[in-house]
Protein backbone atom coordinates (compact mmCIF):
# COMPACT_ATOMS: atom_id res chain seq x y z
CA UNK A 1 31.73 -114.36 139.40
CA UNK A 2 27.98 -112.05 139.68
CA UNK A 3 28.82 -110.69 136.19
CA UNK A 4 29.14 -113.87 134.67
CA UNK A 5 26.59 -115.44 136.04
CA UNK A 6 23.91 -112.24 134.51
CA UNK A 7 25.58 -112.99 131.29
CA UNK A 8 25.01 -116.68 130.89
CA UNK A 9 21.24 -115.77 132.39
CA UNK A 10 21.03 -113.03 129.64
CA UNK A 11 21.87 -115.56 127.37
CA UNK A 12 20.06 -118.32 128.55
CA UNK A 13 22.82 -121.02 128.94
CA UNK A 14 22.31 -121.24 132.41
CA UNK A 15 20.38 -124.66 132.91
CA UNK A 16 19.98 -127.19 136.13
CA UNK A 17 22.67 -128.83 137.02
CA UNK A 18 24.96 -127.89 133.89
CA UNK A 19 26.89 -123.82 133.28
CA UNK A 20 28.64 -122.64 130.17
CA UNK A 21 31.08 -119.80 130.59
CA UNK A 22 33.67 -118.05 128.64
CA UNK A 23 37.16 -117.07 129.26
CA UNK A 24 37.53 -119.34 132.26
CA UNK A 25 41.41 -118.62 133.01
CA UNK A 26 44.30 -117.80 130.71
CA UNK A 27 44.78 -121.34 130.09
CA UNK A 28 41.88 -121.09 128.42
CA UNK A 29 41.19 -118.27 126.99
CA UNK A 30 37.80 -117.97 124.40
CA UNK A 31 37.07 -121.86 125.67
CA UNK A 32 33.32 -123.13 126.79
CA UNK A 33 33.64 -125.17 129.65
CA UNK A 34 31.15 -127.52 130.58
CA UNK A 35 30.40 -129.18 134.22
CA UNK A 36 30.59 -132.79 134.55
CA UNK A 37 28.93 -134.94 137.68
CA UNK A 38 29.43 -139.04 138.20
CA UNK A 39 27.01 -139.25 140.71
CA UNK A 40 24.33 -140.67 139.20
CA UNK A 41 26.23 -142.73 136.29
CA UNK A 42 27.71 -145.60 135.11
CA UNK A 43 30.78 -144.50 136.89
CA UNK A 44 29.62 -143.58 140.42
CA UNK A 45 30.55 -145.98 143.31
CA UNK A 46 29.32 -145.27 147.07
CA UNK A 47 32.06 -143.52 149.00
CA UNK A 48 33.16 -141.15 146.07
CA UNK A 49 32.31 -138.30 144.24
CA UNK A 50 33.85 -137.15 141.56
CA UNK A 51 32.64 -133.98 139.62
CA UNK A 52 34.30 -130.88 137.76
CA UNK A 53 34.55 -129.60 133.76
CA UNK A 54 36.00 -129.88 130.32
CA UNK A 55 36.86 -126.89 128.51
CA UNK A 56 38.88 -126.81 125.26
CA UNK A 57 41.32 -123.63 124.38
CA UNK A 58 40.23 -122.09 121.28
CA UNK A 59 43.83 -120.91 120.99
CA UNK A 60 45.73 -124.08 120.89
CA UNK A 61 42.82 -126.69 121.15
CA UNK A 62 44.15 -128.56 124.21
CA UNK A 63 41.08 -129.56 126.13
CA UNK A 64 41.53 -129.31 130.00
CA UNK A 65 40.09 -131.37 132.30
CA UNK A 66 39.48 -129.93 136.20
CA UNK A 67 38.66 -132.69 138.27
CA UNK A 68 37.67 -133.00 142.05
CA UNK A 69 37.19 -135.77 144.35
CA UNK A 70 35.96 -136.31 147.50
CA UNK A 71 36.00 -139.37 150.18
CA UNK A 72 32.13 -139.21 151.39
CA UNK A 73 32.51 -142.15 153.43
CA UNK A 74 32.76 -142.27 157.17
CA UNK A 75 34.89 -145.53 156.44
CA UNK A 76 38.68 -146.72 156.37
CA UNK A 77 38.64 -146.86 152.59
CA UNK A 78 39.93 -143.49 150.28
CA UNK A 79 38.44 -142.39 147.33
CA UNK A 80 39.71 -142.20 143.71
CA UNK A 81 38.79 -140.77 140.20
CA UNK A 82 40.42 -142.13 136.94
CA UNK A 83 39.86 -139.63 134.07
CA UNK A 84 41.39 -141.44 130.71
CA UNK A 85 41.28 -139.84 127.06
CA UNK A 86 41.29 -141.78 124.10
CA UNK A 87 43.16 -140.38 121.37
CA UNK A 88 42.09 -140.33 117.64
CA UNK A 89 42.82 -143.39 115.90
CA UNK A 90 46.57 -143.64 114.99
CA UNK A 91 47.37 -140.78 117.66
CA UNK A 92 48.55 -142.76 120.21
CA UNK A 93 46.10 -144.70 122.25
CA UNK A 94 44.74 -143.20 125.71
CA UNK A 95 46.37 -141.51 128.43
CA UNK A 96 45.18 -142.60 131.82
CA UNK A 97 45.58 -140.16 135.46
CA UNK A 98 44.05 -140.62 138.50
CA UNK A 99 43.64 -137.92 141.86
CA UNK A 100 42.88 -139.98 145.65
CA UNK A 101 41.29 -138.39 148.74
CA UNK A 102 41.24 -140.46 151.84
CA UNK A 103 39.16 -139.62 155.42
CA UNK A 104 35.61 -138.76 156.14
CA UNK A 105 34.96 -135.47 153.15
CA UNK A 106 38.36 -135.14 152.31
CA UNK A 107 38.74 -133.24 148.68
CA UNK A 108 41.17 -133.06 146.32
CA UNK A 109 41.55 -131.10 142.65
CA UNK A 110 43.84 -131.72 139.62
CA UNK A 111 43.63 -130.10 135.87
CA UNK A 112 45.18 -131.79 133.79
CA UNK A 113 44.98 -130.96 129.91
CA UNK A 114 45.13 -133.37 126.77
CA UNK A 115 46.15 -132.89 122.91
CA UNK A 116 43.77 -131.68 120.47
CA UNK A 117 43.79 -135.23 118.98
CA UNK A 118 41.55 -136.57 121.91
CA UNK A 119 38.62 -138.48 120.46
CA UNK A 120 36.89 -138.43 123.90
CA UNK A 121 37.68 -138.07 127.79
CA UNK A 122 35.83 -140.60 130.11
CA UNK A 123 36.01 -140.74 133.74
CA UNK A 124 35.24 -143.81 136.91
CA UNK A 125 35.02 -143.64 140.63
CA UNK A 126 37.26 -146.07 142.87
CA UNK A 127 37.55 -147.26 146.37
CA UNK A 128 41.12 -147.26 147.19
CA UNK A 129 42.28 -149.51 150.92
CA UNK A 130 45.83 -148.52 152.13
CA UNK A 131 46.10 -146.02 148.59
CA UNK A 132 45.79 -148.82 146.62
CA UNK A 133 42.76 -149.57 144.22
CA UNK A 134 40.49 -151.92 145.64
CA UNK A 135 36.55 -151.67 143.46
CA UNK A 136 35.65 -149.38 140.76
CA UNK A 137 32.52 -148.28 138.60
CA UNK A 138 32.04 -148.48 135.30
CA UNK A 139 33.48 -145.57 132.61
CA UNK A 140 31.19 -143.02 131.94
CA UNK A 141 31.94 -140.50 128.85
CA UNK A 142 32.01 -136.81 129.75
CA UNK A 143 34.01 -135.34 126.62
CA UNK A 144 33.97 -135.88 122.87
CA UNK A 145 32.29 -137.87 120.01
CA UNK A 146 31.36 -141.72 120.31
């Protein structure tokens, strides 16, 4: 990892909050990965914290979204993040996934992959009660075009 940081610094791509990395795993060979964070966006809701990264494989053109969710409030509610991929017109609408964590400072992580016909990807944080989605913020685009 230190070797990667040196490479990124020398390339001038390490910035406050966002780092680009090349070839992070075999599944994303030769991909560029960009970090995302729902905090302080329209997707942010008190008591949940979602963040992760997006990369696109140059070998397969598949888009990989690594997602983390943390229950950041010491209350009876849990945290959930929804990840929605919207496909190009004529290619199947959209696909929505979700990931939850429950219990103060509990975290969960998952990586999904989406087809190359994806136009954009959005995230939204929510609160849960008894495993049921209760309250959500708005959608925030983390990857893709307009």
